[in-house]
Amino acid sequence: GEPLIHYENPEFIEFIQMLLKNKFEIHFESNGSIEIDFDRYPFYKECIFALSVKLQNSGIKKDKRLNFKALKAFKNYAKDSFYKFVLDANTLDNSFLEINEILKEAPNQIFCMPMGENEQNLKKNAQKIAEFCIKNGYNYSDRIHIRLWNDKEGV
């Protein structure tokens, strides 16, 4: 689920502050749709945010998945942030256009991961996504757990 739905919850805040006080580095993976008030909650400025922004192929309406104000706030106030897009080789043209739209409004570093819940599907996407990354200057992020254990659960 989306961890930032709890960002104002007192117990969640206490837990994050305790981790930071004990020198833990905190990373959140978020869909980037929730805008954090970094002025009211300045300790979030010490956190790193992997923003797995949903693209059109997710089936989620655009106004629900793209919050440019939130994306800009992560870039401007967090310790670090970056986009992580999960891509399907069959929809790369549309994904490219949408990624460029996002970058135009809220620039940030990009990591792309091939879609694939098992080794067979990963093989269908990986090379095209890697080539897409090389062509566009993006970072490629693999699904090493799938390569090692396929779709085995509990590893």
Foldseek 3Di string as FASTA:
>chain_A
DAVCVCVVPPVVLVVLVVCVVVPHAAEGEHCQQDADPCVVNVSQQRHEYAHAQDDVVVVDDPNRRDDLVRLQCNPVRHVYYEYEYADELVCVVRVVVVVVVSCVSHNHAYEYEYDDLFPVRNVNTVVSVVVVCVVVVHHYDYPVCRVVPGNDPDD
